[in-house]
Amino acid sequence: MEHAIIIGNGAAGITAARHLRSIEPQWRITVISGESKYHFSRPALMYIFMGHMRYADTKPFEDHIWEEERIDLVRDWVTEIDTDAATLKLHKGGTLPYDKLLLATGSKSNKFGWPGQDLRRVQGLYDLMDLHQLYENVKGTQHAVIVGGGLIGIEFGEMLHSCHIPVTFVVREKSYWDNVLPAEESAMVTRVIQEAGFQLHLETELKEIVDDGSGAACAVVTGRGERIEAQLVGLTAGVSPNIDLVRESKIETNRGILVDWGLRTNVPNVFAAGDCAEIVNEGDSRNLMQQVWYTGKMQGEIAAEAMAGRTVRYDPGIWYNSAKFLDLEYQTYGFVANRPQPGQINLWWEHSSDRKGLRLIYAESGEFVAMNIMGMRARHKVCESWIREKRSIDYVLDHLEDARFETEFSDRHEGEIVRALRSQMP
C-alpha cells in the first residue's frame, strides 16, 4: 500500500489530500503541519483577532471528517527530507517513510536584512504563530508602524485600528500599492486609508528598527533620517515561498520549489503545489508563481492526480482576485498591469464619490482582456466568461448590466459608466 505524505495543511495541501483519497481509496495518506492540527482559513486571521469569528468558525470541515476519510493528521514540524531514503525527519523525534511526497509549505513574510528586524515586538502577519504573537505585542503598544503596503499591510492596520492603536504606514511607493494597481485605483485606495485616520509616509523606506535596550523595538528610523516611535513594528513587505525545508536537499529551487506543469519536482515521487511552487516555463517566459487561495486549491487537485500517476497539466485559467481595503471592495479579472501595456487600450470611469471605479482593458483588435472593479461588486461567472469567450469591448459595454451584483435598492451606474467609457474610445 502506497504512503502519500503532504507537508502543509493549507488550501493546496488539504485539497490534495482529499482529492487523492477520492482517487486512491486504499492508500495511506498523512498530512503534517506544525502550525495547527486542523485545516483553517488563513485569510480569516484578522477576523479572529477582531472578535468577528472564533478559530473554530474558520475551519471549513468538521474535525470528524479526517478520521472518516482516513487521513492521518500529524502535528509536528518536518526538519529534514532525505530523498535518497524517501524519509522525513520530525522535530519531535523519529522518521516517516513515504512513497509519494507533496510539498505544500506555503509562504513566509519577507525580511530584507533591516537592522533590528529580529527584535521582539517586530513581526509579520501570515500564520497562527503570528496571530498569537500579536496578542502579546499589542499589550502596552501606544503606536505601531507597518512597513510595506499591499493587502496584508492593510489587514494588519485594520486589526490594530480595532484596538484603537494609531498606525503609521511606511511605504516606498508614491501611492499605496501602486506597484500593482494602476494610478487611479491606487490613488483611490490611498484616499480611503488616509480618510480612515491612518498616517501614510509615502516614498519612504525603512532604514532600521531601534532597540529599546532590552531587545525589543521602540522606534523606526526611515531613509530620510526621521524617527517614528513605535512599540510594535509590522513587516508586511510581501511574502516569499517557504522553501527553507528543502534548501539542503536534492530538490531544486529558485524563488520557489521548481516544478513542471504537472507539479513534479526534479526528484522522482516528490511534488510541490501552492504558494511554495514555481512552475518552470519553457523558453524565455517568466516562471509562474501564484499565491492566492483559489489557485492553491486548483494546484492541490492537479498534484493529487499527478501523485496517483495520472498524466495532467496545470491550467491556471483566467486570473482573478478580490480583497477589501478597509471598506473599499476590489475585484480584478485578467491581468491588469499597473502601467498601460503596448497594444492595449485602457478605459477608466470613476464616480463623483471617489469610492467607486471601473477599468476595462481591451486589445487594439477590440478583444476585451481584463478589468478592475473598485467599490462595487460584479458577477464572477459573467466577467470571466467575457474574457474566456474573447468578447469584444462593444459587447461588454452593451452587456455591462449583466455583471451587476448589487443589492436591490443600491444605486445604478451602468448608463453613466457606458457613456463615459465610450467617450474615451478612439
Protein backbone atom coordinates (compact mmCIF):
# COMPACT_ATOMS: atom_id res chain seq x y z
CA MET A 1 0.00 0.00 0.00
CA GLU A 2 1.38 3.38 -1.05
CA HIS A 3 2.00 6.02 1.61
CA ALA A 4 1.49 9.62 0.48
CA ILE A 5 2.70 12.37 2.80
CA ILE A 6 1.70 16.01 2.42
CA ILE A 7 3.68 18.68 4.26
CA GLY A 8 1.39 21.64 4.92
CA ASN A 9 -2.32 21.81 5.69
CA GLY A 10 -3.26 24.96 3.81
CA ALA A 11 -5.58 25.16 0.81
CA ALA A 12 -3.20 23.31 -1.53
CA GLY A 13 -2.25 20.55 0.91
CA ILE A 14 -5.73 19.77 2.18
CA THR A 15 -7.29 19.89 -1.29
CA ALA A 16 -4.63 17.44 -2.45
CA ALA A 17 -5.23 15.10 0.49
CA ARG A 18 -8.99 14.91 -0.02
CA HIS A 19 -8.76 14.64 -3.80
CA LEU A 20 -6.13 11.92 -3.54
CA ARG A 21 -8.38 9.97 -1.20
CA SER A 22 -11.16 10.06 -3.79
CA ILE A 23 -8.74 8.71 -6.41
CA GLU A 24 -6.90 6.15 -4.26
CA PRO A 25 -9.25 4.68 -1.63
CA GLN A 26 -6.63 2.22 -0.33
CA TRP A 27 -3.61 4.48 0.06
CA ARG A 28 -2.34 5.66 3.39
CA ILE A 29 -2.45 9.49 3.45
CA THR A 30 -0.72 11.65 6.07
CA VAL A 31 -0.81 15.44 6.42
CA ILE A 32 1.90 17.05 8.56
CA SER A 33 1.70 20.59 9.94
CA GLY A 34 3.44 22.18 12.89
CA GLU A 35 1.18 25.22 12.73
CA SER A 36 -2.13 23.52 13.53
CA LYS A 37 -3.65 20.08 13.59
CA TYR A 38 -6.70 21.06 11.58
CA HIS A 39 -7.02 23.00 8.35
CA PHE A 40 -8.36 26.55 8.81
CA SER A 41 -8.92 29.60 6.63
CA ARG A 42 -5.77 31.70 6.90
CA PRO A 43 -7.42 34.84 5.42
CA ALA A 44 -9.73 34.79 8.46
CA LEU A 45 -6.92 35.54 10.93
CA MET A 46 -7.87 39.21 11.07
CA TYR A 47 -11.48 38.34 11.91
CA ILE A 48 -10.37 36.10 14.77
CA PHE A 49 -8.27 38.92 16.20
CA MET A 50 -11.05 41.50 15.80
CA GLY A 51 -13.55 39.21 17.53
CA HIS A 52 -15.77 38.68 14.49
CA MET A 53 -15.06 34.95 14.36
CA ARG A 54 -13.76 32.20 16.61
CA TYR A 55 -10.93 29.95 15.49
CA ALA A 56 -13.41 27.05 15.37
CA ASP A 57 -15.51 29.04 12.88
CA THR A 58 -12.59 29.27 10.45
CA LYS A 59 -12.33 25.51 9.96
CA PRO A 60 -14.13 24.62 6.70
CA PHE A 61 -14.57 20.97 7.74
CA GLU A 62 -15.80 19.26 10.88
CA ASP A 63 -13.00 17.59 12.84
CA HIS A 64 -14.52 14.12 12.43
CA ILE A 65 -14.16 14.01 8.63
CA TRP A 66 -10.43 13.30 8.78
CA GLU A 67 -10.97 10.01 10.58
CA GLU A 68 -13.89 9.19 8.31
CA GLU A 69 -11.77 9.82 5.20
CA ARG A 70 -8.80 8.02 6.79
CA ILE A 71 -6.44 10.98 6.51
CA ASP A 72 -3.91 10.98 9.34
CA LEU A 73 -3.08 14.39 10.83
CA VAL A 74 0.35 14.81 12.40
CA ARG A 75 1.03 17.96 14.45
CA ASP A 76 4.80 18.37 14.03
CA TRP A 77 7.48 20.10 12.00
CA VAL A 78 9.50 18.31 9.37
CA THR A 79 13.17 19.16 9.91
CA GLU A 80 14.83 17.20 7.11
CA ILE A 81 13.97 15.45 3.85
CA ASP A 82 16.13 12.50 2.78
CA THR A 83 15.10 11.93 -0.82
CA ASP A 84 17.54 9.01 -1.24
CA ALA A 85 15.95 7.07 1.60
CA ALA A 86 12.48 8.60 0.99
CA THR A 87 12.09 9.53 4.65
CA LEU A 88 11.22 12.62 6.68
CA LYS A 89 12.79 13.56 10.00
CA LEU A 90 10.41 15.08 12.54
CA HIS A 91 11.09 17.75 15.16
CA LYS A 92 9.56 15.68 17.97
CA GLY A 93 11.73 12.74 17.01
CA GLY A 94 11.57 9.78 14.68
CA THR A 95 11.18 9.49 10.93
CA LEU A 96 8.38 8.80 8.49
CA PRO A 97 8.87 6.91 5.21
CA TYR A 98 6.96 7.99 2.13
CA ASP A 99 6.24 6.65 -1.33
CA LYS A 100 4.87 9.96 -2.63
CA LEU A 101 5.62 13.37 -1.13
CA LEU A 102 3.83 16.68 -1.70
CA LEU A 103 5.42 19.91 -0.51
CA ALA A 104 2.72 22.48 0.25
CA THR A 105 4.71 24.62 2.68
CA GLY A 106 3.18 27.96 1.70
CA SER A 107 4.79 31.36 2.13
CA LYS A 108 6.56 33.39 4.79
CA SER A 109 6.79 37.13 5.46
CA ASN A 110 9.61 38.91 3.70
CA LYS A 111 12.59 40.30 5.57
CA PHE A 112 15.25 42.31 3.78
CA GLY A 113 18.08 42.40 6.29
CA TRP A 114 16.96 45.55 8.09
CA PRO A 115 18.92 46.24 11.30
CA GLY A 116 16.64 45.29 14.19
CA GLN A 117 14.27 43.11 12.16
CA ASP A 118 14.64 40.24 14.64
CA LEU A 119 13.90 42.29 17.77
CA ARG A 120 10.96 41.45 19.98
CA ARG A 121 7.74 43.27 19.08
CA VAL A 122 8.66 43.04 15.39
CA GLN A 123 6.56 40.60 13.37
CA GLY A 124 4.81 39.70 10.15
CA LEU A 125 1.24 38.55 9.70
CA TYR A 126 0.91 35.23 7.91
CA ASP A 127 0.14 32.29 10.20
CA LEU A 128 -1.30 31.29 13.56
CA MET A 129 2.03 31.84 15.29
CA ASP A 130 1.98 35.44 14.09
CA LEU A 131 -1.56 35.83 15.43
CA HIS A 132 -0.58 34.51 18.88
CA GLN A 133 2.45 36.79 18.86
CA LEU A 134 0.27 39.78 18.02
CA TYR A 135 -1.97 39.20 21.03
CA GLU A 136 1.11 39.73 23.20
CA ASN A 137 2.65 42.52 21.18
CA VAL A 138 -0.38 44.81 21.29
CA LYS A 139 -0.22 44.89 25.09
CA GLY A 140 1.14 48.28 26.04
CA THR A 141 1.51 49.41 22.43
CA GLN A 142 0.81 53.13 22.09
CA HIS A 143 1.78 53.45 18.43
CA ALA A 144 2.57 50.99 15.66
CA VAL A 145 4.46 51.24 12.37
CA ILE A 146 3.67 48.96 9.45
CA VAL A 147 6.40 48.64 6.85
CA GLY A 148 5.15 47.95 3.36
CA GLY A 149 1.79 48.20 1.66
CA GLY A 150 -0.39 45.69 -0.08
CA LEU A 151 -3.21 43.52 1.15
CA ILE A 152 -1.51 42.09 4.23
CA GLY A 153 -0.45 45.55 5.35
CA ILE A 154 -3.95 46.99 5.24
CA GLU A 155 -5.34 43.97 7.10
CA PHE A 156 -2.68 44.38 9.78
CA GLY A 157 -3.53 48.06 10.07
CA GLU A 158 -7.25 47.36 10.38
CA MET A 159 -6.60 44.85 13.15
CA LEU A 160 -4.58 47.38 15.14
CA HIS A 161 -7.13 50.09 14.42
CA SER A 162 -9.77 47.89 16.04
CA CYS A 163 -7.69 48.10 19.24
CA HIS A 164 -7.57 51.92 18.97
CA ILE A 165 -3.82 51.79 18.29
CA PRO A 166 -2.62 54.62 16.00
CA VAL A 167 -0.83 53.27 12.93
CA THR A 168 1.73 54.80 10.59
CA PHE A 169 2.47 53.12 7.26
CA VAL A 170 5.98 53.38 5.84
CA VAL A 171 5.58 52.72 2.11
CA ARG A 172 8.28 53.15 -0.50
CA GLU A 173 5.86 53.64 -3.40
CA LYS A 174 4.44 57.02 -4.47
CA SER A 175 0.92 55.80 -3.74
CA TYR A 176 -0.44 52.79 -1.85
CA TRP A 177 0.21 49.54 -3.76
CA ASP A 178 0.99 51.39 -6.97
CA ASN A 179 3.46 48.64 -7.89
CA VAL A 180 0.34 46.51 -8.53
CA LEU A 181 -2.58 48.88 -9.07
CA PRO A 182 -2.91 51.47 -11.86
CA ALA A 183 -2.58 55.08 -10.77
CA GLU A 184 -6.31 55.83 -10.42
CA GLU A 185 -7.08 52.72 -8.32
CA SER A 186 -4.01 53.28 -6.16
CA ALA A 187 -5.00 56.92 -5.57
CA MET A 188 -8.48 55.80 -4.50
CA VAL A 189 -7.06 53.27 -2.03
CA THR A 190 -4.65 55.90 -0.68
CA ARG A 191 -7.53 58.33 -0.02
CA VAL A 192 -9.57 55.63 1.74
CA ILE A 193 -6.64 54.80 4.05
CA GLN A 194 -5.92 58.43 4.90
CA GLU A 195 -9.57 59.28 5.47
CA ALA A 196 -9.79 56.37 7.95
CA GLY A 197 -7.18 58.09 10.12
CA PHE A 198 -4.00 56.23 9.20
CA GLN A 199 -0.75 58.09 8.68
CA LEU A 200 0.88 57.33 5.33
CA HIS A 201 4.57 58.06 4.80
CA LEU A 202 4.86 57.55 1.06
CA GLU A 203 8.11 57.31 -0.92
CA THR A 204 9.74 56.35 2.35
CA GLU A 205 11.96 53.37 3.10
CA LEU A 206 12.84 51.71 6.38
CA LYS A 207 16.44 52.18 7.44
CA GLU A 208 16.47 50.45 10.83
CA ILE A 209 14.37 49.34 13.78
CA VAL A 210 15.60 50.77 17.09
CA ASP A 211 16.33 48.60 20.13
CA ASP A 212 14.94 49.94 23.43
CA GLY A 213 17.91 48.39 25.26
CA SER A 214 16.08 45.21 26.25
CA GLY A 215 15.94 43.57 22.84
CA ALA A 216 12.53 45.00 21.89
CA ALA A 217 11.57 47.59 19.29
CA CYS A 218 10.84 51.14 20.39
CA ALA A 219 11.05 53.11 17.13
CA VAL A 220 11.95 53.01 13.46
CA VAL A 221 14.30 55.26 11.52
CA THR A 222 13.46 55.96 7.88
CA GLY A 223 15.82 56.52 4.99
CA ARG A 224 15.18 60.23 5.40
CA GLY A 225 16.52 60.10 8.92
CA GLU A 226 13.10 60.54 10.54
CA ARG A 227 12.49 58.66 13.81
CA ILE A 228 8.99 57.32 14.42
CA GLU A 229 8.25 55.99 17.90
CA ALA A 230 6.64 52.56 17.81
CA GLN A 231 6.28 49.77 20.34
CA LEU A 232 5.15 47.39 17.58
CA VAL A 233 6.56 47.09 14.06
CA GLY A 234 4.71 45.09 11.42
CA LEU A 235 6.70 43.80 8.46
CA THR A 236 4.32 43.37 5.53
CA ALA A 237 6.57 43.96 2.54
CA GLY A 238 5.13 40.95 0.75
CA VAL A 239 5.69 37.23 1.17
CA SER A 240 8.03 34.73 -0.44
CA PRO A 241 7.85 30.95 -0.92
CA ASN A 242 8.68 28.99 2.22
CA ILE A 243 11.45 26.77 0.87
CA ASP A 244 13.77 26.59 3.90
CA LEU A 245 13.00 22.89 4.41
CA VAL A 246 14.33 21.86 1.00
CA ARG A 247 17.42 24.08 0.71
CA GLU A 248 19.76 21.30 1.86
CA SER A 249 18.02 18.59 -0.16
CA LYS A 250 18.38 17.49 -3.78
CA ILE A 251 15.12 19.23 -4.65
CA GLU A 252 15.83 22.13 -6.99
CA THR A 253 14.72 25.63 -6.09
CA ASN A 254 14.84 29.16 -7.43
CA ARG A 255 12.48 31.68 -5.86
CA GLY A 256 10.25 28.71 -5.10
CA ILE A 257 10.39 24.93 -5.47
CA LEU A 258 10.85 24.29 -9.17
CA VAL A 259 8.19 22.08 -10.75
CA ASP A 260 6.93 21.25 -14.22
CA TRP A 261 3.35 21.84 -15.34
CA GLY A 262 2.41 18.54 -13.69
CA LEU A 263 3.76 19.96 -10.40
CA ARG A 264 6.58 17.41 -10.34
CA THR A 265 9.97 18.37 -8.93
CA ASN A 266 13.30 17.12 -10.28
CA VAL A 267 13.21 14.30 -7.71
CA PRO A 268 11.02 11.29 -8.56
CA ASN A 269 7.83 10.96 -6.47
CA VAL A 270 8.24 14.46 -4.98
CA PHE A 271 5.75 17.18 -5.92
CA ALA A 272 5.03 20.79 -4.88
CA ALA A 273 1.88 22.93 -5.01
CA GLY A 274 0.52 26.24 -3.80
CA ASP A 275 2.48 29.28 -2.65
CA CYS A 276 5.81 27.44 -2.49
CA ALA A 277 5.70 26.12 -6.08
CA GLU A 278 7.41 27.81 -9.03
CA ILE A 279 6.27 26.38 -12.35
CA VAL A 280 9.05 26.38 -14.94
CA ASN A 281 8.06 28.00 -18.21
CA GLU A 282 9.66 26.89 -21.41
CA GLY A 283 11.71 29.40 -23.39
CA ASP A 284 12.19 32.96 -22.20
CA SER A 285 8.83 33.30 -20.45
CA ARG A 286 8.93 34.07 -16.76
CA ASN A 287 8.24 31.17 -14.39
CA LEU A 288 4.74 31.09 -12.95
CA MET A 289 4.08 31.66 -9.25
CA GLN A 290 0.51 32.07 -7.99
CA GLN A 291 -0.05 32.81 -4.32
CA VAL A 292 -3.79 33.09 -3.81
CA TRP A 293 -6.34 30.77 -2.25
CA TYR A 294 -8.19 29.54 -5.34
CA THR A 295 -5.02 28.72 -7.31
CA GLY A 296 -3.76 26.78 -4.30
CA LYS A 297 -6.88 24.62 -4.45
CA MET A 298 -6.53 24.13 -8.21
CA GLN A 299 -2.90 23.12 -7.86
CA GLY A 300 -3.78 20.78 -4.99
CA GLU A 301 -6.12 18.83 -7.26
CA ILE A 302 -3.55 18.59 -10.05
CA ALA A 303 -0.84 17.48 -7.59
CA ALA A 304 -3.11 14.72 -6.24
CA GLU A 305 -3.72 13.37 -9.72
CA ALA A 306 -0.02 13.51 -10.56
CA MET A 307 0.81 11.66 -7.33
CA ALA A 308 -1.66 8.98 -8.37
CA GLY A 309 0.25 8.54 -11.63
CA ARG A 310 -2.09 10.34 -13.97
CA THR A 311 -0.80 12.49 -16.81
CA VAL A 312 -2.00 16.00 -16.00
CA ARG A 313 -1.11 19.60 -16.77
CA TYR A 314 -1.98 22.58 -14.60
CA ASP A 315 -4.14 25.18 -16.32
CA PRO A 316 -4.00 28.50 -14.45
CA GLY A 317 -7.16 29.68 -16.14
CA ILE A 318 -8.22 33.33 -16.05
CA TRP A 319 -6.57 35.31 -13.29
CA TYR A 320 -8.93 36.55 -10.58
CA ASN A 321 -8.52 38.14 -7.19
CA SER A 322 -10.66 40.05 -4.70
CA ALA A 323 -9.95 41.90 -1.49
CA LYS A 324 -11.02 44.78 0.71
CA PHE A 325 -9.08 47.91 1.58
CA LEU A 326 -10.95 48.76 4.79
CA ASP A 327 -14.49 49.25 3.40
CA LEU A 328 -13.41 49.54 -0.24
CA GLU A 329 -14.01 46.34 -2.20
CA TYR A 330 -11.72 45.35 -5.05
CA GLN A 331 -12.05 42.74 -7.80
CA THR A 332 -9.80 42.03 -10.77
CA TYR A 333 -10.28 39.73 -13.76
CA GLY A 334 -7.50 39.02 -16.24
CA PHE A 335 -4.11 40.67 -15.92
CA VAL A 336 -4.27 44.39 -15.15
CA ALA A 337 -0.79 45.90 -15.07
CA ASN A 338 -0.01 48.98 -13.01
CA ARG A 339 1.05 50.80 -16.17
CA PRO A 340 -0.60 50.80 -19.65
CA GLN A 341 0.75 47.98 -21.81
CA PRO A 342 1.64 48.21 -25.53
CA GLY A 343 -1.19 47.12 -27.78
CA GLN A 344 -3.84 47.67 -25.10
CA ILE A 345 -6.37 50.45 -24.54
CA ASN A 346 -7.46 51.38 -21.01
CA LEU A 347 -10.88 52.87 -20.21
CA TRP A 348 -11.46 54.27 -16.71
CA TRP A 349 -14.62 55.54 -15.01
CA GLU A 350 -14.71 56.99 -11.52
CA HIS A 351 -17.78 58.00 -9.56
CA SER A 352 -18.02 61.51 -8.11
CA SER A 353 -17.91 59.99 -4.61
CA ASP A 354 -14.26 58.91 -5.22
CA ARG A 355 -15.26 55.48 -3.84
CA LYS A 356 -16.29 53.61 -7.00
CA GLY A 357 -14.40 52.94 -10.19
CA LEU A 358 -14.27 50.62 -13.19
CA ARG A 359 -11.38 49.91 -15.56
CA LEU A 360 -11.89 47.96 -18.78
CA ILE A 361 -8.92 46.94 -20.92
CA TYR A 362 -9.11 45.74 -24.50
CA ALA A 363 -6.66 44.94 -27.26
CA GLU A 364 -6.31 47.09 -30.36
CA SER A 365 -8.19 44.33 -32.18
CA GLY A 366 -11.19 45.12 -29.98
CA GLU A 367 -10.98 41.97 -27.82
CA PHE A 368 -11.77 42.54 -24.13
CA VAL A 369 -8.91 41.26 -21.94
CA ALA A 370 -9.17 42.47 -18.32
CA MET A 371 -10.94 44.65 -15.75
CA ASN A 372 -10.63 46.19 -12.30
CA ILE A 373 -13.70 46.94 -10.16
CA MET A 374 -13.45 49.29 -7.18
CA GLY A 375 -16.18 49.85 -4.60
CA MET A 376 -18.72 47.70 -6.45
CA ARG A 377 -19.44 44.02 -6.96
CA ALA A 378 -19.72 42.08 -10.19
CA ARG A 379 -20.81 38.57 -11.10
CA HIS A 380 -17.76 36.34 -11.32
CA LYS A 381 -19.12 33.98 -13.98
CA VAL A 382 -20.17 36.83 -16.25
CA CYS A 383 -16.88 38.74 -16.07
CA GLU A 384 -14.82 35.59 -16.51
CA SER A 385 -16.93 34.47 -19.48
CA TRP A 386 -16.28 37.75 -21.32
CA ILE A 387 -12.55 37.04 -21.22
CA ARG A 388 -12.78 33.31 -21.85
CA GLU A 389 -15.12 33.77 -24.80
CA LYS A 390 -12.98 36.62 -26.22
CA ARG A 391 -15.87 39.05 -26.31
CA SER A 392 -15.39 42.45 -27.92
CA ILE A 393 -15.26 45.64 -25.88
CA ASP A 394 -18.50 46.71 -27.59
CA TYR A 395 -20.19 43.53 -26.42
CA VAL A 396 -19.01 44.10 -22.85
CA LEU A 397 -20.28 47.67 -22.80
CA ASP A 398 -23.61 46.60 -24.31
CA HIS A 399 -23.99 43.88 -21.66
CA LEU A 400 -22.41 45.61 -18.67
CA GLU A 401 -25.60 45.33 -16.66
CA ASP A 402 -25.38 41.52 -16.90
CA ALA A 403 -22.42 41.65 -14.49
CA ARG A 404 -24.27 43.71 -11.90
CA PHE A 405 -24.16 42.10 -8.46
CA GLU A 406 -25.60 44.67 -6.09
CA THR A 407 -28.43 44.85 -3.58
CA GLU A 408 -31.89 45.60 -4.90
CA PHE A 409 -32.01 49.23 -3.81
CA SER A 410 -28.39 50.22 -4.48
CA ASP A 411 -27.60 52.99 -6.95
CA ARG A 412 -27.31 52.04 -10.60
CA HIS A 413 -24.41 53.44 -12.60
CA GLU A 414 -24.29 51.35 -15.77
CA GLY A 415 -25.68 54.08 -18.04
CA GLU A 416 -23.24 56.67 -16.75
CA ILE A 417 -20.35 54.20 -16.97
CA VAL A 418 -21.07 53.17 -20.56
CA ARG A 419 -21.41 56.78 -21.75
CA ALA A 420 -18.16 57.79 -20.03
CA LEU A 421 -16.18 54.82 -21.33
CA ARG A 422 -17.45 55.06 -24.89
CA SER A 423 -16.42 58.70 -25.00
CA GLN A 424 -12.83 57.60 -24.32
CA MET A 425 -12.68 55.07 -27.15
CA PRO A 426 -10.65 56.07 -30.19
